[in-house]
Amino acid sequence: MLAEMRAHGFEVRDDERVRWVVIAFDRTFDYAKLNTALAGGRGSGARLIATNPDRTCPVEGGEIPDCAGMIAAVEAVTGRTRGDDRRQAVADHPRGRARRARRRRATRR
């Protein structure tokens, strides 16, 4: 994802001097990344954007945590939620929307 963002002209940084904090599915998500998001989200007032709101990602044999866990962690430490004045965005993907639609249909039955 970082290479894709750079290819589209975005400057990708790992410090707090940012305008956007991008939250995405990341198997290497750790305290250092959470601390960087905190510094950017609170210190410089960067806006939060997430790639998708999915709670889990299907894998062979079950599922693993997806982007929603990272969103929750960043929201918790920055004190910012979707209801704040600088509304955060979720750039959802078609597969996620389709999966949630199937879940909604299944729960209505």
PDB file of N, CA and C in Angstrom:
ATOM      1  N   MET A   1       0.816  -1.183   0.000  1.00  0.00           N
ATOM      2  CA  MET A   1       0.000   0.000   0.000  1.00  0.00           C
ATOM      3  C   MET A   1       0.866   1.255   0.000  1.00  0.00           C
ATOM      4  N   LEU A   2       1.962   1.233   0.735  1.00  0.00           N
ATOM      5  CA  LEU A   2       2.833   2.414   0.780  1.00  0.00           C
ATOM      6  C   LEU A   2       3.391   2.738  -0.596  1.00  0.00           C
ATOM      7  N   ALA A   3       3.812   1.714  -1.328  1.00  0.00           N
ATOM      8  CA  ALA A   3       4.335   1.927  -2.680  1.00  0.00           C
ATOM      9  C   ALA A   3       3.256   2.508  -3.587  1.00  0.00           C
ATOM     10  N   GLU A   4       2.045   2.017  -3.437  1.00  0.00           N
ATOM     11  CA  GLU A   4       0.918   2.526  -4.240  1.00  0.00           C
ATOM     12  C   GLU A   4       0.650   3.997  -3.936  1.00  0.00           C
ATOM     13  N   MET A   5       0.698   4.360  -2.667  1.00  0.00           N
ATOM     14  CA  MET A   5       0.476   5.766  -2.294  1.00  0.00           C
ATOM     15  C   MET A   5       1.586   6.652  -2.862  1.00  0.00           C
ATOM     16  N   ARG A   6       2.815   6.200  -2.743  1.00  0.00           N
ATOM     17  CA  ARG A   6       3.936   6.970  -3.309  1.00  0.00           C
ATOM     18  C   ARG A   6       3.788   7.118  -4.816  1.00  0.00           C
ATOM     19  N   ALA A   7       3.365   6.046  -5.492  1.00  0.00           N
ATOM     20  CA  ALA A   7       3.199   6.075  -6.942  1.00  0.00           C
ATOM     21  C   ALA A   7       2.144   7.089  -7.370  1.00  0.00           C
ATOM     22  N   HIS A   8       1.211   7.394  -6.469  1.00  0.00           N
ATOM     23  CA  HIS A   8       0.164   8.377  -6.770  1.00  0.00           C
ATOM     24  C   HIS A   8       0.497   9.766  -6.228  1.00  0.00           C
ATOM     25  N   GLY A   9       1.741   9.974  -5.861  1.00  0.00           N
ATOM     26  CA  GLY A   9       2.196  11.310  -5.487  1.00  0.00           C
ATOM     27  C   GLY A   9       2.093  11.684  -4.025  1.00  0.00           C
ATOM     28  N   PHE A  10       1.724  10.734  -3.167  1.00  0.00           N
ATOM     29  CA  PHE A  10       1.645  11.029  -1.740  1.00  0.00           C
ATOM     30  C   PHE A  10       3.025  10.911  -1.103  1.00  0.00           C
ATOM     31  N   GLU A  11       3.331  11.809  -0.197  1.00  0.00           N
ATOM     32  CA  GLU A  11       4.548  11.686   0.597  1.00  0.00           C
ATOM     33  C   GLU A  11       4.204  10.839   1.815  1.00  0.00           C
ATOM     34  N   VAL A  12       4.826   9.691   1.926  1.00  0.00           N
ATOM     35  CA  VAL A  12       4.564   8.775   3.033  1.00  0.00           C
ATOM     36  C   VAL A  12       5.603   9.036   4.112  1.00  0.00           C
ATOM     37  N   ARG A  13       5.117   9.315   5.325  1.00  0.00           N
ATOM     38  CA  ARG A  13       6.008   9.655   6.435  1.00  0.00           C
ATOM     39  C   ARG A  13       5.709   8.743   7.619  1.00  0.00           C
ATOM     40  N   ASP A  14       6.674   8.632   8.512  1.00  0.00           N
ATOM     41  CA  ASP A  14       6.441   7.860   9.734  1.00  0.00           C
ATOM     42  C   ASP A  14       6.697   8.720  10.967  1.00  0.00           C
ATOM     43  N   ASP A  15       6.349  10.016  10.840  1.00  0.00           N
ATOM     44  CA  ASP A  15       6.438  10.921  11.983  1.00  0.00           C
ATOM     45  C   ASP A  15       5.130  11.695  12.098  1.00  0.00           C
ATOM     46  N   GLU A  16       5.065  12.589  13.064  1.00  0.00           N
ATOM     47  CA  GLU A  16       3.798  13.276  13.344  1.00  0.00           C
ATOM     48  C   GLU A  16       3.506  14.458  12.425  1.00  0.00           C
ATOM     49  N   ARG A  17       4.400  14.834  11.556  1.00  0.00           N
ATOM     50  CA  ARG A  17       4.178  15.986  10.678  1.00  0.00           C
ATOM     51  C   ARG A  17       3.394  15.561   9.433  1.00  0.00           C
ATOM     52  N   VAL A  18       2.128  15.228   9.646  1.00  0.00           N
ATOM     53  CA  VAL A  18       1.279  14.722   8.567  1.00  0.00           C
ATOM     54  C   VAL A  18      -0.074  15.420   8.582  1.00  0.00           C
ATOM     55  N   ARG A  19      -0.769  15.355   7.466  1.00  0.00           N
ATOM     56  CA  ARG A  19      -2.134  15.873   7.383  1.00  0.00           C
ATOM     57  C   ARG A  19      -3.151  14.749   7.497  1.00  0.00           C
ATOM     58  N   TRP A  20      -2.732  13.527   7.188  1.00  0.00           N
ATOM     59  CA  TRP A  20      -3.603  12.355   7.242  1.00  0.00           C
ATOM     60  C   TRP A  20      -2.912  11.223   7.986  1.00  0.00           C
ATOM     61  N   VAL A  21      -3.669  10.517   8.805  1.00  0.00           N
ATOM     62  CA  VAL A  21      -3.211   9.257   9.391  1.00  0.00           C
ATOM     63  C   VAL A  21      -4.028   8.179   8.679  1.00  0.00           C
ATOM     64  N   VAL A  22      -3.360   7.335   7.906  1.00  0.00           N
ATOM     65  CA  VAL A  22      -4.033   6.286   7.149  1.00  0.00           C
ATOM     66  C   VAL A  22      -3.971   4.992   7.943  1.00  0.00           C
ATOM     67  N   ILE A  23      -5.142   4.429   8.209  1.00  0.00           N
ATOM     68  CA  ILE A  23      -5.246   3.199   8.983  1.00  0.00           C
ATOM     69  C   ILE A  23      -5.650   2.089   8.024  1.00  0.00           C
ATOM     70  N   ALA A  24      -4.881   1.015   8.017  1.00  0.00           N
ATOM     71  CA  ALA A  24      -5.135  -0.091   7.094  1.00  0.00           C
ATOM     72  C   ALA A  24      -4.839  -1.418   7.767  1.00  0.00           C
ATOM     73  N   PHE A  25      -5.290  -2.497   7.147  1.00  0.00           N
ATOM     74  CA  PHE A  25      -4.961  -3.843   7.606  1.00  0.00           C
ATOM     75  C   PHE A  25      -3.442  -3.950   7.631  1.00  0.00           C
ATOM     76  N   ASP A  26      -2.899  -4.372   8.761  1.00  0.00           N
ATOM     77  CA  ASP A  26      -1.448  -4.373   8.912  1.00  0.00           C
ATOM     78  C   ASP A  26      -1.052  -5.469   9.900  1.00  0.00           C
ATOM     79  N   ARG A  27      -0.456  -6.523   9.406  1.00  0.00           N
ATOM     80  CA  ARG A  27      -0.037  -7.628  10.276  1.00  0.00           C
ATOM     81  C   ARG A  27       1.163  -7.265  11.132  1.00  0.00           C
ATOM     82  N   THR A  28       1.764  -6.091  10.900  1.00  0.00           N
ATOM     83  CA  THR A  28       2.904  -5.653  11.712  1.00  0.00           C
ATOM     84  C   THR A  28       2.527  -4.468  12.606  1.00  0.00           C
ATOM     85  N   PHE A  29       1.217  -4.220  12.784  1.00  0.00           N
ATOM     86  CA  PHE A  29       0.748  -3.127  13.637  1.00  0.00           C
ATOM     87  C   PHE A  29       1.323  -3.322  15.035  1.00  0.00           C
ATOM     88  N   ASP A  30       1.942  -2.269  15.583  1.00  0.00           N
ATOM     89  CA  ASP A  30       2.575  -2.389  16.894  1.00  0.00           C
ATOM     90  C   ASP A  30       2.500  -1.062  17.651  1.00  0.00           C
ATOM     91  N   TYR A  31       3.093  -1.057  18.833  1.00  0.00           N
ATOM     92  CA  TYR A  31       3.050   0.127  19.684  1.00  0.00           C
ATOM     93  C   TYR A  31       3.687   1.332  19.003  1.00  0.00           C
ATOM     94  N   ALA A  32       4.785   1.142  18.305  1.00  0.00           N
ATOM     95  CA  ALA A  32       5.455   2.263  17.643  1.00  0.00           C
ATOM     96  C   ALA A  32       4.545   2.911  16.604  1.00  0.00           C
ATOM     97  N   LYS A  33       3.830   2.108  15.834  1.00  0.00           N
ATOM     98  CA  LYS A  33       2.903   2.663  14.835  1.00  0.00           C
ATOM     99  C   LYS A  33       1.731   3.356  15.512  1.00  0.00           C
ATOM    100  N   LEU A  34       1.240   2.780  16.601  1.00  0.00           N
ATOM    101  CA  LEU A  34       0.153   3.413  17.348  1.00  0.00           C
ATOM    102  C   LEU A  34       0.609   4.743  17.923  1.00  0.00           C
ATOM    103  N   ASN A  35       1.821   4.812  18.419  1.00  0.00           N
ATOM    104  CA  ASN A  35       2.360   6.054  18.965  1.00  0.00           C
ATOM    105  C   ASN A  35       2.513   7.119  17.871  1.00  0.00           C
ATOM    106  N   THR A  36       2.928   6.715  16.677  1.00  0.00           N
ATOM    107  CA  THR A  36       3.033   7.646  15.552  1.00  0.00           C
ATOM    108  C   THR A  36       1.654   8.178  15.180  1.00  0.00           C
ATOM    109  N   ALA A  37       0.648   7.299  15.171  1.00  0.00           N
ATOM    110  CA  ALA A  37      -0.723   7.731  14.878  1.00  0.00           C
ATOM    111  C   ALA A  37      -1.221   8.706  15.931  1.00  0.00           C
ATOM    112  N   LEU A  38      -0.885   8.445  17.193  1.00  0.00           N
ATOM    113  CA  LEU A  38      -1.258   9.364  18.273  1.00  0.00           C
ATOM    114  C   LEU A  38      -0.636  10.738  18.044  1.00  0.00           C
ATOM    115  N   ALA A  39       0.646  10.764  17.756  1.00  0.00           N
ATOM    116  CA  ALA A  39       1.341  12.040  17.540  1.00  0.00           C
ATOM    117  C   ALA A  39       0.747  12.797  16.363  1.00  0.00           C
ATOM    118  N   GLY A  40       0.447  12.098  15.290  1.00  0.00           N
ATOM    119  CA  GLY A  40      -0.140  12.752  14.126  1.00  0.00           C
ATOM    120  C   GLY A  40      -1.579  13.168  14.356  1.00  0.00           C
ATOM    121  N   GLY A  41      -2.347  12.290  14.976  1.00  0.00           N
ATOM    122  CA  GLY A  41      -3.768  12.557  15.183  1.00  0.00           C
ATOM    123  C   GLY A  41      -4.056  13.631  16.205  1.00  0.00           C
ATOM    124  N   ARG A  42      -3.237  13.714  17.235  1.00  0.00           N
ATOM    125  CA  ARG A  42      -3.470  14.726  18.275  1.00  0.00           C
ATOM    126  C   ARG A  42      -2.538  15.909  18.129  1.00  0.00           C
ATOM    127  N   GLY A  43      -1.258  15.632  17.893  1.00  0.00           N
ATOM    128  CA  GLY A  43      -0.268  16.702  17.851  1.00  0.00           C
ATOM    129  C   GLY A  43      -0.435  17.653  16.690  1.00  0.00           C
ATOM    130  N   SER A  44      -0.536  17.108  15.485  1.00  0.00           N
ATOM    131  CA  SER A  44      -0.624  17.977  14.317  1.00  0.00           C
ATOM    132  C   SER A  44      -2.053  18.125  13.822  1.00  0.00           C
ATOM    133  N   GLY A  45      -2.994  17.442  14.460  1.00  0.00           N
ATOM    134  CA  GLY A  45      -4.395  17.549  14.060  1.00  0.00           C
ATOM    135  C   GLY A  45      -4.702  16.855  12.750  1.00  0.00           C
ATOM    136  N   ALA A  46      -3.903  15.863  12.381  1.00  0.00           N
ATOM    137  CA  ALA A  46      -4.131  15.139  11.130  1.00  0.00           C
ATOM    138  C   ALA A  46      -5.492  14.452  11.154  1.00  0.00           C
ATOM    139  N   ARG A  47      -6.100  14.353   9.989  1.00  0.00           N
ATOM    140  CA  ARG A  47      -7.370  13.647   9.864  1.00  0.00           C
ATOM    141  C   ARG A  47      -7.112  12.161   9.747  1.00  0.00           C
ATOM    142  N   LEU A  48      -8.073  11.372  10.212  1.00  0.00           N
ATOM    143  CA  LEU A  48      -7.955   9.922  10.150  1.00  0.00           C
ATOM    144  C   LEU A  48      -8.708   9.401   8.939  1.00  0.00           C
ATOM    145  N   ILE A  49      -8.095   8.479   8.225  1.00  0.00           N
ATOM    146  CA  ILE A  49      -8.772   7.787   7.133  1.00  0.00           C
ATOM    147  C   ILE A  49      -8.425   6.316   7.242  1.00  0.00           C
ATOM    148  N   ALA A  50      -9.419   5.468   7.017  1.00  0.00           N
ATOM    149  CA  ALA A  50      -9.206   4.027   7.094  1.00  0.00           C
ATOM    150  C   ALA A  50      -9.541   3.388   5.755  1.00  0.00           C
ATOM    151  N   THR A  51      -8.832   2.309   5.443  1.00  0.00           N
ATOM    152  CA  THR A  51      -9.068   1.647   4.171  1.00  0.00           C
ATOM    153  C   THR A  51     -10.346   0.830   4.153  1.00  0.00           C
ATOM    154  N   ASN A  52     -10.759   0.301   5.306  1.00  0.00           N
ATOM    155  CA  ASN A  52     -12.006  -0.462   5.385  1.00  0.00           C
ATOM    156  C   ASN A  52     -12.387  -0.665   6.842  1.00  0.00           C
ATOM    157  N   PRO A  53     -13.680  -0.878   7.107  1.00  0.00           N
ATOM    158  CA  PRO A  53     -14.132  -1.056   8.490  1.00  0.00           C
ATOM    159  C   PRO A  53     -14.298  -2.512   8.912  1.00  0.00           C
ATOM    160  N   ASP A  54     -13.743  -3.447   8.166  1.00  0.00           N
ATOM    161  CA  ASP A  54     -13.965  -4.864   8.446  1.00  0.00           C
ATOM    162  C   ASP A  54     -13.343  -5.288   9.772  1.00  0.00           C
ATOM    163  N   ARG A  55     -14.115  -6.051  10.555  1.00  0.00           N
ATOM    164  CA  ARG A  55     -13.624  -6.535  11.852  1.00  0.00           C
ATOM    165  C   ARG A  55     -12.661  -7.701  11.683  1.00  0.00           C
ATOM    166  N   THR A  56     -12.972  -8.576  10.751  1.00  0.00           N
ATOM    167  CA  THR A  56     -12.117  -9.740  10.534  1.00  0.00           C
ATOM    168  C   THR A  56     -11.878  -9.955   9.045  1.00  0.00           C
ATOM    169  N   CYS A  57     -10.841 -10.723   8.765  1.00  0.00           N
ATOM    170  CA  CYS A  57     -10.471 -11.067   7.398  1.00  0.00           C
ATOM    171  C   CYS A  57     -10.477 -12.585   7.296  1.00  0.00           C
ATOM    172  N   PRO A  58     -11.232 -13.132   6.349  1.00  0.00           N
ATOM    173  CA  PRO A  58     -11.273 -14.589   6.244  1.00  0.00           C
ATOM    174  C   PRO A  58      -9.939 -15.143   5.740  1.00  0.00           C
ATOM    175  N   VAL A  59      -9.492 -16.197   6.370  1.00  0.00           N
ATOM    176  CA  VAL A  59      -8.280 -16.905   5.963  1.00  0.00           C
ATOM    177  C   VAL A  59      -8.580 -18.403   6.039  1.00  0.00           C
ATOM    178  N   GLU A  60      -7.721 -19.186   5.436  1.00  0.00           N
ATOM    179  CA  GLU A  60      -7.912 -20.623   5.491  1.00  0.00           C
ATOM    180  C   GLU A  60      -7.961 -21.066   6.954  1.00  0.00           C
ATOM    181  N   GLY A  61      -9.011 -21.746   7.312  1.00  0.00           N
ATOM    182  CA  GLY A  61      -9.146 -22.251   8.671  1.00  0.00           C
ATOM    183  C   GLY A  61      -9.799 -21.288   9.643  1.00  0.00           C
ATOM    184  N   GLY A  62     -10.291 -20.152   9.174  1.00  0.00           N
ATOM    185  CA  GLY A  62     -10.964 -19.225  10.082  1.00  0.00           C
ATOM    186  C   GLY A  62     -10.860 -17.779   9.664  1.00  0.00           C
ATOM    187  N   GLU A  63     -10.479 -16.938  10.607  1.00  0.00           N
ATOM    188  CA  GLU A  63     -10.374 -15.513  10.334  1.00  0.00           C
ATOM    189  C   GLU A  63      -9.329 -14.885  11.242  1.00  0.00           C
ATOM    190  N   ILE A  64      -8.877 -13.696  10.844  1.00  0.00           N
ATOM    191  CA  ILE A  64      -7.897 -12.946  11.627  1.00  0.00           C
ATOM    192  C   ILE A  64      -8.406 -11.521  11.789  1.00  0.00           C
ATOM    193  N   PRO A  65      -7.907 -10.775  12.781  1.00  0.00           N
ATOM    194  CA  PRO A  65      -8.338  -9.385  12.952  1.00  0.00           C
ATOM    195  C   PRO A  65      -8.038  -8.562  11.701  1.00  0.00           C
ATOM    196  N   ASP A  66      -8.958  -7.667  11.362  1.00  0.00           N
ATOM    197  CA  ASP A  66      -8.779  -6.806  10.196  1.00  0.00           C
ATOM    198  C   ASP A  66      -8.684  -5.354  10.650  1.00  0.00           C
ATOM    199  N   CYS A  67      -8.978  -4.441   9.789  1.00  0.00           N
ATOM    200  CA  CYS A  67      -8.729  -3.016   9.998  1.00  0.00           C
ATOM    201  C   CYS A  67      -9.510  -2.406  11.172  1.00  0.00           C
ATOM    202  N   ALA A  68     -10.677  -2.948  11.493  1.00  0.00           N
ATOM    203  CA  ALA A  68     -11.479  -2.365  12.574  1.00  0.00           C
ATOM    204  C   ALA A  68     -10.716  -2.317  13.895  1.00  0.00           C
ATOM    205  N   GLY A  69      -9.896  -3.318  14.159  1.00  0.00           N
ATOM    206  CA  GLY A  69      -9.095  -3.316  15.386  1.00  0.00           C
ATOM    207  C   GLY A  69      -8.094  -2.187  15.410  1.00  0.00           C
ATOM    208  N   MET A  70      -7.476  -1.911  14.279  1.00  0.00           N
ATOM    209  CA  MET A  70      -6.515  -0.815  14.197  1.00  0.00           C
ATOM    210  C   MET A  70      -7.232   0.535  14.313  1.00  0.00           C
ATOM    211  N   ILE A  71      -8.426   0.627  13.684  1.00  0.00           N
ATOM    212  CA  ILE A  71      -9.224   1.856  13.793  1.00  0.00           C
ATOM    213  C   ILE A  71      -9.556   2.116  15.257  1.00  0.00           C
ATOM    214  N   ALA A  72     -10.030   1.082  15.957  1.00  0.00           N
ATOM    215  CA  ALA A  72     -10.417   1.232  17.364  1.00  0.00           C
ATOM    216  C   ALA A  72      -9.235   1.680  18.219  1.00  0.00           C
ATOM    217  N   ALA A  73      -8.061   1.098  17.961  1.00  0.00           N
ATOM    218  CA  ALA A  73      -6.873   1.466  18.741  1.00  0.00           C
ATOM    219  C   ALA A  73      -6.507   2.932  18.508  1.00  0.00           C
ATOM    220  N   VAL A  74      -6.499   3.366  17.251  1.00  0.00           N
ATOM    221  CA  VAL A  74      -6.134   4.753  16.943  1.00  0.00           C
ATOM    222  C   VAL A  74      -7.177   5.717  17.501  1.00  0.00           C
ATOM    223  N   GLU A  75      -8.464   5.388  17.359  1.00  0.00           N
ATOM    224  CA  GLU A  75      -9.504   6.243  17.932  1.00  0.00           C
ATOM    225  C   GLU A  75      -9.360   6.347  19.445  1.00  0.00           C
ATOM    226  N   ALA A  76      -9.042   5.225  20.088  1.00  0.00           N
ATOM    227  CA  ALA A  76      -8.924   5.219  21.549  1.00  0.00           C
ATOM    228  C   ALA A  76      -7.796   6.121  22.030  1.00  0.00           C
ATOM    229  N   VAL A  77      -6.640   6.050  21.384  1.00  0.00           N
ATOM    230  CA  VAL A  77      -5.516   6.849  21.874  1.00  0.00           C
ATOM    231  C   VAL A  77      -5.593   8.307  21.454  1.00  0.00           C
ATOM    232  N   THR A  78      -6.214   8.591  20.312  1.00  0.00           N
ATOM    233  CA  THR A  78      -6.310   9.989  19.874  1.00  0.00           C
ATOM    234  C   THR A  78      -7.505  10.695  20.494  1.00  0.00           C
ATOM    235  N   GLY A  79      -8.469   9.923  20.988  1.00  0.00           N
ATOM    236  CA  GLY A  79      -9.677  10.530  21.546  1.00  0.00           C
ATOM    237  C   GLY A  79     -10.616  11.054  20.476  1.00  0.00           C
ATOM    238  N   ARG A  80     -10.390  10.648  19.253  1.00  0.00           N
ATOM    239  CA  ARG A  80     -11.222  11.107  18.142  1.00  0.00           C
ATOM    240  C   ARG A  80     -12.080   9.959  17.641  1.00  0.00           C
ATOM    241  N   THR A  81     -13.313  10.259  17.333  1.00  0.00           N
ATOM    242  CA  THR A  81     -14.222   9.246  16.808  1.00  0.00           C
ATOM    243  C   THR A  81     -14.883   9.781  15.553  1.00  0.00           C
ATOM    244  N   ARG A  82     -15.742   8.970  14.977  1.00  0.00           N
ATOM    245  CA  ARG A  82     -16.418   9.388  13.746  1.00  0.00           C
ATOM    246  C   ARG A  82     -17.327  10.586  13.964  1.00  0.00           C
ATOM    247  N   GLY A  83     -17.693  10.857  15.179  1.00  0.00           N
ATOM    248  CA  GLY A  83     -18.590  11.973  15.450  1.00  0.00           C
ATOM    249  C   GLY A  83     -17.889  13.299  15.673  1.00  0.00           C
ATOM    250  N   ASP A  84     -16.564  13.339  15.556  1.00  0.00           N
ATOM    251  CA  ASP A  84     -15.879  14.603  15.821  1.00  0.00           C
ATOM    252  C   ASP A  84     -16.054  15.575  14.662  1.00  0.00           C
ATOM    253  N   ASP A  85     -15.593  16.807  14.860  1.00  0.00           N
ATOM    254  CA  ASP A  85     -15.783  17.856  13.859  1.00  0.00           C
ATOM    255  C   ASP A  85     -15.039  17.584  12.567  1.00  0.00           C
ATOM    256  N   ARG A  86     -13.928  16.899  12.643  1.00  0.00           N
ATOM    257  CA  ARG A  86     -13.136  16.587  11.451  1.00  0.00           C
ATOM    258  C   ARG A  86     -13.442  15.158  11.058  1.00  0.00           C
ATOM    259  N   ARG A  87     -14.645  14.922  10.606  1.00  0.00           N
ATOM    260  CA  ARG A  87     -15.122  13.556  10.356  1.00  0.00           C
ATOM    261  C   ARG A  87     -14.082  12.713   9.655  1.00  0.00           C
ATOM    262  N   GLN A  88     -13.828  11.569  10.228  1.00  0.00           N
ATOM    263  CA  GLN A  88     -12.884  10.673   9.587  1.00  0.00           C
ATOM    264  C   GLN A  88     -13.583   9.922   8.469  1.00  0.00           C
ATOM    265  N   ALA A  89     -12.819   9.430   7.572  1.00  0.00           N
ATOM    266  CA  ALA A  89     -13.351   8.757   6.395  1.00  0.00           C
ATOM    267  C   ALA A  89     -12.951   7.295   6.384  1.00  0.00           C
ATOM    268  N   VAL A  90     -13.779   6.501   5.752  1.00  0.00           N
ATOM    269  CA  VAL A  90     -13.436   5.106   5.492  1.00  0.00           C
ATOM    270  C   VAL A  90     -13.564   4.896   3.999  1.00  0.00           C
ATOM    271  N   ALA A  91     -12.464   4.567   3.366  1.00  0.00           N
ATOM    272  CA  ALA A  91     -12.447   4.293   1.933  1.00  0.00           C
ATOM    273  C   ALA A  91     -12.656   2.798   1.760  1.00  0.00           C
ATOM    274  N   ASP A  92     -13.896   2.385   1.719  1.00  0.00           N
ATOM    275  CA  ASP A  92     -14.236   0.962   1.719  1.00  0.00           C
ATOM    276  C   ASP A  92     -13.956   0.332   0.357  1.00  0.00           C
ATOM    277  N   HIS A  93     -13.825  -0.966   0.351  1.00  0.00           N
ATOM    278  CA  HIS A  93     -13.596  -1.698  -0.889  1.00  0.00           C
ATOM    279  C   HIS A  93     -14.820  -2.546  -1.202  1.00  0.00           C
ATOM    280  N   PRO A  94     -15.060  -2.867  -2.475  1.00  0.00           N
ATOM    281  CA  PRO A  94     -16.269  -3.607  -2.865  1.00  0.00           C
ATOM    282  C   PRO A  94     -16.427  -4.940  -2.153  1.00  0.00           C
ATOM    283  N   ARG A  95     -15.341  -5.685  -1.944  1.00  0.00           N
ATOM    284  CA  ARG A  95     -15.458  -6.982  -1.290  1.00  0.00           C
ATOM    285  C   ARG A  95     -16.006  -6.822   0.126  1.00  0.00           C
ATOM    286  N   GLY A  96     -15.562  -5.796   0.838  1.00  0.00           N
ATOM    287  CA  GLY A  96     -16.047  -5.558   2.193  1.00  0.00           C
ATOM    288  C   GLY A  96     -17.518  -5.192   2.215  1.00  0.00           C
ATOM    289  N   ARG A  97     -17.934  -4.347   1.281  1.00  0.00           N
ATOM    290  CA  ARG A  97     -19.348  -3.973   1.214  1.00  0.00           C
ATOM    291  C   ARG A  97     -20.210  -5.195   0.921  1.00  0.00           C
ATOM    292  N   ALA A  98     -19.759  -6.040  -0.003  1.00  0.00           N
ATOM    293  CA  ALA A  98     -20.523  -7.246  -0.349  1.00  0.00           C
ATOM    294  C   ALA A  98     -20.617  -8.185   0.843  1.00  0.00           C
ATOM    295  N   ARG A  99     -19.533  -8.352   1.579  1.00  0.00           N
ATOM    296  CA  ARG A  99     -19.523  -9.234   2.748  1.00  0.00           C
ATOM    297  C   ARG A  99     -20.505  -8.737   3.805  1.00  0.00           C
ATOM    298  N   ARG A 100     -20.496  -7.419   4.066  1.00  0.00           N
ATOM    299  CA  ARG A 100     -21.418  -6.874   5.067  1.00  0.00           C
ATOM    300  C   ARG A 100     -22.870  -7.000   4.614  1.00  0.00           C
ATOM    301  N   ALA A 101     -23.129  -6.845   3.319  1.00  0.00           N
ATOM    302  CA  ALA A 101     -24.491  -7.004   2.802  1.00  0.00           C
ATOM    303  C   ALA A 101     -24.972  -8.437   3.022  1.00  0.00           C
ATOM    304  N   ARG A 102     -24.094  -9.412   2.773  1.00  0.00           N
ATOM    305  CA  ARG A 102     -24.466 -10.819   3.016  1.00  0.00           C
ATOM    306  C   ARG A 102     -24.767 -11.054   4.489  1.00  0.00           C
ATOM    307  N   ARG A 103     -23.975 -10.479   5.373  1.00  0.00           N
ATOM    308  CA  ARG A 103     -24.210 -10.642   6.814  1.00  0.00           C
ATOM    309  C   ARG A 103     -25.555 -10.048   7.218  1.00  0.00           C
ATOM    310  N   ARG A 104     -25.871  -8.855   6.678  1.00  0.00           N
ATOM    311  CA  ARG A 104     -27.158  -8.225   7.010  1.00  0.00           C
ATOM    312  C   ARG A 104     -28.318  -9.092   6.548  1.00  0.00           C
ATOM    313  N   ARG A 105     -28.225  -9.628   5.322  1.00  0.00           N
ATOM    314  CA  ARG A 105     -29.287 -10.498   4.812  1.00  0.00           C
ATOM    315  C   ARG A 105     -29.418 -11.750   5.677  1.00  0.00           C
ATOM    316  N   ALA A 106     -28.302 -12.309   6.096  1.00  0.00           N
ATOM    317  CA  ALA A 106     -28.320 -13.535   6.899  1.00  0.00           C
ATOM    318  C   ALA A 106     -28.945 -13.296   8.267  1.00  0.00           C
ATOM    319  N   THR A 107     -28.718 -12.116   8.855  1.00  0.00           N
ATOM    320  CA  THR A 107     -29.263 -11.852  10.187  1.00  0.00           C
ATOM    321  C   THR A 107     -30.752 -11.529  10.142  1.00  0.00           C
ATOM    322  N   ARG A 108     -31.273 -11.143   8.997  1.00  0.00           N
ATOM    323  CA  ARG A 108     -32.701 -10.835   8.869  1.00  0.00           C
ATOM    324  C   ARG A 108     -33.552 -12.096   8.750  1.00  0.00           C
ATOM    325  N   ARG A 109     -32.945 -13.187   8.384  1.00  0.00           N
ATOM    326  CA  ARG A 109     -33.713 -14.432   8.155  1.00  0.00           C
ATOM    327  C   ARG A 109     -34.137 -15.074   9.433  1.00  0.00           C
TER     328      ARG A 109
END
